[in-house]
Amino acid sequence: MPQPVQVPPAVDLNTHIRRGYNSESLSSVQWCFTQSTVLHISVVFSLILFFGIIELVISAWLTSQFNAHHNYFSLAGRDCARFLLFTSTWTIVFSSYRMFFFFPPDSVFGSMASHIFFLCLTWIFWTAGAASITATLSGQLNRNAQSLFVYCGQLIALDAFAWVILVLVTFAVFVVHTRSNLAAGRGDGVSESQIA
C-alpha cells in the first residue's frame, strides 16, 4: 500500500511579525492586514530595490557620458542625472539595509518612527528627482526627438523608472504609516521596535 505524501507545514508568519502582536487583542481586519503586510512590504522593497538598481545603472551611465563628453543638453539635465544617481544609491542602500539586516529591538534605528522618517526622506528625494527630470525634459521627449536630445532612449528610461520608484515608495510610506497607526491604537508607540 503506497504511503501518503506528507505535506510540509505552512509557514507561520507570526514569528516574522514584530513582537507585541496578540491575535486575541486584534480584530480580524487588523490581523489580516498585519499578516499580509509582511509579504506586501517585502515585495514592495524588493521591487524598489530592483528598479533602484536599474535607475542607478542608467543614471551612472548618463553621468559618466555627460562628464566624459560634455554633451549634456542643459545644466539642469546634467544635474538631474547626478541627483537621480544619488537618489538611487540612497534607495539601494536604505532598502537593502532594511531588508537584509535587522536592527536590535532596543535600537533607535529599529523603531517604526525611524522607518517612517527614512521612507519619507526617500519619498522627498524621488519626488524631487522625478519632477525635476520631467520638467527638464519639458515633455518633449519621445523616440523621434533624437535630434533634440542626446541619449534620448536613456533619458526616457531615466524619467520612467523615477516615476515607477516614486509610486512604489509612496505605497511603502502608506503601508508603514498604517501599521504605525495600528500599533499606536494598541498602545504600542511608534518608538517601539518592529522586529520579531
C-alpha atoms as a PDB file:
ATOM      1  CA  MET A   1       0.000   0.000   0.000  1.00  0.00           C
ATOM      2  CA  PRO A   2       1.501   3.391  -1.008  1.00  0.00           C
ATOM      3  CA  GLN A   3       2.403   5.824   1.706  1.00  0.00           C
ATOM      4  CA  PRO A   4       0.517   9.136   1.668  1.00  0.00           C
ATOM      5  CA  VAL A   5       2.558  12.152   0.675  1.00  0.00           C
ATOM      6  CA  GLN A   6       3.390  14.299   3.654  1.00  0.00           C
ATOM      7  CA  VAL A   7       2.806  17.984   3.095  1.00  0.00           C
ATOM      8  CA  PRO A   8       5.214  20.258   4.939  1.00  0.00           C
ATOM      9  CA  PRO A   9       3.549  22.528   7.468  1.00  0.00           C
ATOM     10  CA  ALA A  10       2.642  26.014   6.308  1.00  0.00           C
ATOM     11  CA  VAL A  11       4.994  28.804   7.220  1.00  0.00           C
ATOM     12  CA  ASP A  12       3.722  30.621  10.255  1.00  0.00           C
ATOM     13  CA  LEU A  13       4.163  34.347   9.743  1.00  0.00           C
ATOM     14  CA  ASN A  14       3.613  35.000  13.436  1.00  0.00           C
ATOM     15  CA  THR A  15       7.318  34.599  14.110  1.00  0.00           C
ATOM     16  CA  HIS A  16       8.160  37.185  11.458  1.00  0.00           C
ATOM     17  CA  ILE A  17       5.799  39.850  12.699  1.00  0.00           C
ATOM     18  CA  ARG A  18       7.136  42.229  15.276  1.00  0.00           C
ATOM     19  CA  ARG A  19       6.691  41.233  18.858  1.00  0.00           C
ATOM     20  CA  GLY A  20       3.687  42.506  20.702  1.00  0.00           C
ATOM     21  CA  TYR A  21       1.056  41.346  18.230  1.00  0.00           C
ATOM     22  CA  ASN A  22      -1.560  39.337  20.007  1.00  0.00           C
ATOM     23  CA  SER A  23      -4.144  37.690  17.774  1.00  0.00           C
ATOM     24  CA  GLU A  24      -6.764  37.758  20.536  1.00  0.00           C
ATOM     25  CA  SER A  25      -6.473  41.519  21.013  1.00  0.00           C
ATOM     26  CA  LEU A  26      -6.652  42.388  17.309  1.00  0.00           C
ATOM     27  CA  SER A  27      -9.764  42.485  15.200  1.00  0.00           C
ATOM     28  CA  SER A  28      -9.849  40.125  12.214  1.00  0.00           C
ATOM     29  CA  VAL A  29      -9.314  43.032   9.816  1.00  0.00           C
ATOM     30  CA  GLN A  30      -6.269  44.230  11.743  1.00  0.00           C
ATOM     31  CA  TRP A  31      -4.867  40.682  11.991  1.00  0.00           C
ATOM     32  CA  CYS A  32      -5.280  40.067   8.248  1.00  0.00           C
ATOM     33  CA  PHE A  33      -3.690  43.427   7.492  1.00  0.00           C
ATOM     34  CA  THR A  34      -0.792  42.591   9.804  1.00  0.00           C
ATOM     35  CA  GLN A  35      -0.270  39.144   8.234  1.00  0.00           C
ATOM     36  CA  SER A  36      -0.423  40.381   4.652  1.00  0.00           C
ATOM     37  CA  THR A  37       1.682  43.472   5.376  1.00  0.00           C
ATOM     38  CA  VAL A  38       4.795  41.376   5.951  1.00  0.00           C
ATOM     39  CA  LEU A  39       4.502  39.880   2.483  1.00  0.00           C
ATOM     40  CA  HIS A  40       3.465  43.130   0.792  1.00  0.00           C
ATOM     41  CA  ILE A  41       6.206  45.254   2.285  1.00  0.00           C
ATOM     42  CA  SER A  42       8.815  42.626   1.372  1.00  0.00           C
ATOM     43  CA  VAL A  43       7.571  42.568  -2.213  1.00  0.00           C
ATOM     44  CA  VAL A  44       7.462  46.371  -2.359  1.00  0.00           C
ATOM     45  CA  PHE A  45      11.001  46.733  -1.001  1.00  0.00           C
ATOM     46  CA  SER A  46      12.205  44.065  -3.433  1.00  0.00           C
ATOM     47  CA  LEU A  47      10.665  45.979  -6.328  1.00  0.00           C
ATOM     48  CA  ILE A  48      12.079  49.270  -5.056  1.00  0.00           C
ATOM     49  CA  LEU A  49      15.498  47.630  -4.823  1.00  0.00           C
ATOM     50  CA  PHE A  50      15.201  46.090  -8.310  1.00  0.00           C
ATOM     51  CA  PHE A  51      14.072  49.299 -10.016  1.00  0.00           C
ATOM     52  CA  GLY A  52      16.567  51.299  -7.955  1.00  0.00           C
ATOM     53  CA  ILE A  53      19.406  49.198  -9.387  1.00  0.00           C
ATOM     54  CA  ILE A  54      18.091  49.822 -12.907  1.00  0.00           C
ATOM     55  CA  GLU A  55      17.861  53.559 -12.206  1.00  0.00           C
ATOM     56  CA  LEU A  56      21.376  53.504 -10.733  1.00  0.00           C
ATOM     57  CA  VAL A  57      22.796  51.898 -13.874  1.00  0.00           C
ATOM     58  CA  ILE A  58      21.058  54.327 -16.224  1.00  0.00           C
ATOM     59  CA  SER A  59      21.904  57.445 -14.219  1.00  0.00           C
ATOM     60  CA  ALA A  60      25.519  56.328 -13.670  1.00  0.00           C
ATOM     61  CA  TRP A  61      25.960  55.699 -17.382  1.00  0.00           C
ATOM     62  CA  LEU A  62      24.415  59.066 -18.292  1.00  0.00           C
ATOM     63  CA  THR A  63      26.526  60.862 -15.693  1.00  0.00           C
ATOM     64  CA  SER A  64      29.714  59.239 -16.984  1.00  0.00           C
ATOM     65  CA  GLN A  65      28.817  60.126 -20.580  1.00  0.00           C
ATOM     66  CA  PHE A  66      27.997  63.709 -19.632  1.00  0.00           C
ATOM     67  CA  ASN A  67      31.275  64.010 -17.693  1.00  0.00           C
ATOM     68  CA  ALA A  68      33.395  62.437 -20.427  1.00  0.00           C
ATOM     69  CA  HIS A  69      31.923  64.135 -23.499  1.00  0.00           C
ATOM     70  CA  HIS A  70      30.297  67.272 -22.058  1.00  0.00           C
ATOM     71  CA  ASN A  71      27.363  66.684 -24.424  1.00  0.00           C
ATOM     72  CA  TYR A  72      24.511  67.230 -21.966  1.00  0.00           C
ATOM     73  CA  PHE A  73      21.620  69.210 -23.406  1.00  0.00           C
ATOM     74  CA  SER A  74      21.461  71.586 -20.411  1.00  0.00           C
ATOM     75  CA  LEU A  75      22.999  72.025 -16.995  1.00  0.00           C
ATOM     76  CA  ALA A  76      19.669  71.093 -15.478  1.00  0.00           C
ATOM     77  CA  GLY A  77      19.662  67.790 -17.374  1.00  0.00           C
ATOM     78  CA  ARG A  78      23.171  67.012 -16.189  1.00  0.00           C
ATOM     79  CA  ASP A  79      22.303  67.901 -12.595  1.00  0.00           C
ATOM     80  CA  CYS A  80      19.098  65.838 -12.683  1.00  0.00           C
ATOM     81  CA  ALA A  81      21.046  62.781 -13.812  1.00  0.00           C
ATOM     82  CA  ARG A  82      23.506  63.328 -10.958  1.00  0.00           C
ATOM     83  CA  PHE A  83      20.731  63.813  -8.413  1.00  0.00           C
ATOM     84  CA  LEU A  84      18.962  60.665  -9.584  1.00  0.00           C
ATOM     85  CA  LEU A  85      22.285  58.828  -9.277  1.00  0.00           C
ATOM     86  CA  PHE A  86      22.486  59.953  -5.642  1.00  0.00           C
ATOM     87  CA  THR A  87      18.813  59.131  -5.018  1.00  0.00           C
ATOM     88  CA  SER A  88      19.058  55.644  -6.494  1.00  0.00           C
ATOM     89  CA  THR A  89      22.202  54.964  -4.454  1.00  0.00           C
ATOM     90  CA  TRP A  90      20.425  56.193  -1.313  1.00  0.00           C
ATOM     91  CA  THR A  91      17.436  53.975  -2.103  1.00  0.00           C
ATOM     92  CA  ILE A  92      19.524  50.868  -2.754  1.00  0.00           C
ATOM     93  CA  VAL A  93      21.497  51.296   0.456  1.00  0.00           C
ATOM     94  CA  PHE A  94      18.399  52.073   2.533  1.00  0.00           C
ATOM     95  CA  SER A  95      16.212  49.337   1.045  1.00  0.00           C
ATOM     96  CA  SER A  96      18.837  46.619   1.218  1.00  0.00           C
ATOM     97  CA  TYR A  97      19.768  47.598   4.767  1.00  0.00           C
ATOM     98  CA  ARG A  98      16.126  47.467   5.842  1.00  0.00           C
ATOM     99  CA  MET A  99      15.522  44.170   4.030  1.00  0.00           C
ATOM    100  CA  PHE A 100      18.636  42.158   4.842  1.00  0.00           C
ATOM    101  CA  PHE A 101      19.848  43.474   8.207  1.00  0.00           C
ATOM    102  CA  PHE A 102      17.807  43.544  11.350  1.00  0.00           C
ATOM    103  CA  PHE A 103      18.240  46.246  13.938  1.00  0.00           C
ATOM    104  CA  PRO A 104      18.385  45.366  17.623  1.00  0.00           C
ATOM    105  CA  PRO A 105      14.956  45.716  19.253  1.00  0.00           C
ATOM    106  CA  ASP A 106      16.144  48.441  21.598  1.00  0.00           C
ATOM    107  CA  SER A 107      17.848  50.396  18.811  1.00  0.00           C
ATOM    108  CA  VAL A 108      16.589  53.771  17.621  1.00  0.00           C
ATOM    109  CA  PHE A 109      17.010  52.535  14.033  1.00  0.00           C
ATOM    110  CA  GLY A 110      14.751  49.558  14.721  1.00  0.00           C
ATOM    111  CA  SER A 111      11.783  51.734  15.624  1.00  0.00           C
ATOM    112  CA  MET A 112       8.753  52.411  13.492  1.00  0.00           C
ATOM    113  CA  ALA A 113       9.437  56.155  13.702  1.00  0.00           C
ATOM    114  CA  SER A 114      12.878  55.792  12.112  1.00  0.00           C
ATOM    115  CA  HIS A 115      11.390  53.608   9.397  1.00  0.00           C
ATOM    116  CA  ILE A 116       8.785  56.263   8.607  1.00  0.00           C
ATOM    117  CA  PHE A 117      11.429  59.014   8.723  1.00  0.00           C
ATOM    118  CA  PHE A 118      13.749  57.298   6.241  1.00  0.00           C
ATOM    119  CA  LEU A 119      10.863  56.362   3.937  1.00  0.00           C
ATOM    120  CA  CYS A 120       9.546  59.932   3.931  1.00  0.00           C
ATOM    121  CA  LEU A 121      13.024  61.268   3.198  1.00  0.00           C
ATOM    122  CA  THR A 122      13.336  58.776   0.340  1.00  0.00           C
ATOM    123  CA  TRP A 123       9.915  59.842  -0.932  1.00  0.00           C
ATOM    124  CA  ILE A 124      11.018  63.502  -0.926  1.00  0.00           C
ATOM    125  CA  PHE A 125      14.166  62.604  -2.883  1.00  0.00           C
ATOM    126  CA  TRP A 126      12.222  60.653  -5.527  1.00  0.00           C
ATOM    127  CA  THR A 127       9.550  63.340  -5.828  1.00  0.00           C
ATOM    128  CA  ALA A 128      12.206  65.987  -6.408  1.00  0.00           C
ATOM    129  CA  GLY A 129      14.167  63.779  -8.827  1.00  0.00           C
ATOM    130  CA  ALA A 130      11.206  62.599 -10.900  1.00  0.00           C
ATOM    131  CA  ALA A 131       9.657  66.063 -11.102  1.00  0.00           C
ATOM    132  CA  SER A 132      12.948  67.733 -11.984  1.00  0.00           C
ATOM    133  CA  ILE A 133      13.857  65.339 -14.803  1.00  0.00           C
ATOM    134  CA  THR A 134      10.322  65.627 -16.199  1.00  0.00           C
ATOM    135  CA  ALA A 135      10.461  69.432 -16.020  1.00  0.00           C
ATOM    136  CA  THR A 136      13.917  69.473 -17.582  1.00  0.00           C
ATOM    137  CA  LEU A 137      12.742  67.359 -20.489  1.00  0.00           C
ATOM    138  CA  SER A 138       9.647  69.590 -20.878  1.00  0.00           C
ATOM    139  CA  GLY A 139       7.522  66.698 -22.079  1.00  0.00           C
ATOM    140  CA  GLN A 140       9.226  66.917 -25.478  1.00  0.00           C
ATOM    141  CA  LEU A 141      10.919  63.578 -25.159  1.00  0.00           C
ATOM    142  CA  ASN A 142       9.787  60.810 -27.452  1.00  0.00           C
ATOM    143  CA  ARG A 143      11.527  58.411 -29.802  1.00  0.00           C
ATOM    144  CA  ASN A 144      11.518  60.952 -32.629  1.00  0.00           C
ATOM    145  CA  ALA A 145      13.285  63.591 -30.525  1.00  0.00           C
ATOM    146  CA  GLN A 146      16.779  62.175 -31.075  1.00  0.00           C
ATOM    147  CA  SER A 147      17.741  65.348 -32.919  1.00  0.00           C
ATOM    148  CA  LEU A 148      16.769  67.427 -29.841  1.00  0.00           C
ATOM    149  CA  PHE A 149      18.403  65.325 -27.133  1.00  0.00           C
ATOM    150  CA  VAL A 150      21.500  63.170 -26.989  1.00  0.00           C
ATOM    151  CA  TYR A 151      20.845  59.801 -25.309  1.00  0.00           C
ATOM    152  CA  CYS A 152      17.108  60.084 -25.911  1.00  0.00           C
ATOM    153  CA  GLY A 153      16.236  56.489 -25.007  1.00  0.00           C
ATOM    154  CA  GLN A 154      18.223  56.585 -21.801  1.00  0.00           C
ATOM    155  CA  LEU A 155      16.575  59.839 -20.724  1.00  0.00           C
ATOM    156  CA  ILE A 156      13.122  58.352 -21.362  1.00  0.00           C
ATOM    157  CA  ALA A 157      14.054  55.335 -19.229  1.00  0.00           C
ATOM    158  CA  LEU A 158      15.534  57.552 -16.502  1.00  0.00           C
ATOM    159  CA  ASP A 159      12.294  59.535 -16.319  1.00  0.00           C
ATOM    160  CA  ALA A 160      10.005  56.481 -16.419  1.00  0.00           C
ATOM    161  CA  PHE A 161      11.835  54.488 -13.762  1.00  0.00           C
ATOM    162  CA  ALA A 162      11.981  57.535 -11.484  1.00  0.00           C
ATOM    163  CA  TRP A 163       8.172  57.734 -11.541  1.00  0.00           C
ATOM    164  CA  VAL A 164       7.792  53.966 -11.028  1.00  0.00           C
ATOM    165  CA  ILE A 165      10.021  54.080  -7.954  1.00  0.00           C
ATOM    166  CA  LEU A 166       8.135  57.116  -6.640  1.00  0.00           C
ATOM    167  CA  VAL A 167       4.847  55.187  -6.831  1.00  0.00           C
ATOM    168  CA  LEU A 168       6.399  52.197  -5.028  1.00  0.00           C
ATOM    169  CA  VAL A 169       7.880  54.376  -2.284  1.00  0.00           C
ATOM    170  CA  THR A 170       4.514  56.134  -1.881  1.00  0.00           C
ATOM    171  CA  PHE A 171       2.847  52.748  -1.370  1.00  0.00           C
ATOM    172  CA  ALA A 172       5.518  51.748   1.171  1.00  0.00           C
ATOM    173  CA  VAL A 173       5.008  55.002   3.093  1.00  0.00           C
ATOM    174  CA  PHE A 174       1.256  54.342   3.179  1.00  0.00           C
ATOM    175  CA  VAL A 175       1.653  50.766   4.441  1.00  0.00           C
ATOM    176  CA  VAL A 176       4.200  51.614   7.131  1.00  0.00           C
ATOM    177  CA  HIS A 177       2.154  54.626   8.260  1.00  0.00           C
ATOM    178  CA  THR A 178      -0.973  52.456   8.511  1.00  0.00           C
ATOM    179  CA  ARG A 179       0.933  49.851  10.530  1.00  0.00           C
ATOM    180  CA  SER A 180       2.211  52.539  12.879  1.00  0.00           C
ATOM    181  CA  ASN A 181      -1.359  53.794  13.390  1.00  0.00           C
ATOM    182  CA  LEU A 182      -2.485  50.259  14.236  1.00  0.00           C
ATOM    183  CA  ALA A 183       0.412  49.931  16.677  1.00  0.00           C
ATOM    184  CA  ALA A 184      -0.462  53.262  18.291  1.00  0.00           C
ATOM    185  CA  GLY A 185      -4.082  52.146  18.602  1.00  0.00           C
ATOM    186  CA  ARG A 186      -2.958  49.059  20.550  1.00  0.00           C
ATOM    187  CA  GLY A 187      -0.863  51.140  22.899  1.00  0.00           C
ATOM    188  CA  ASP A 188       2.486  50.442  21.246  1.00  0.00           C
ATOM    189  CA  GLY A 189       4.107  53.682  20.248  1.00  0.00           C
ATOM    190  CA  VAL A 190       5.915  54.439  17.024  1.00  0.00           C
ATOM    191  CA  SER A 191       9.125  54.278  19.047  1.00  0.00           C
ATOM    192  CA  GLU A 192       8.563  50.543  19.578  1.00  0.00           C
ATOM    193  CA  SER A 193      10.606  48.027  17.621  1.00  0.00           C
ATOM    194  CA  GLN A 194       9.231  46.369  14.510  1.00  0.00           C
ATOM    195  CA  ILE A 195      11.452  43.275  14.702  1.00  0.00           C
ATOM    196  CA  ALA A 196      10.145  39.861  15.674  1.00  0.00           C
END
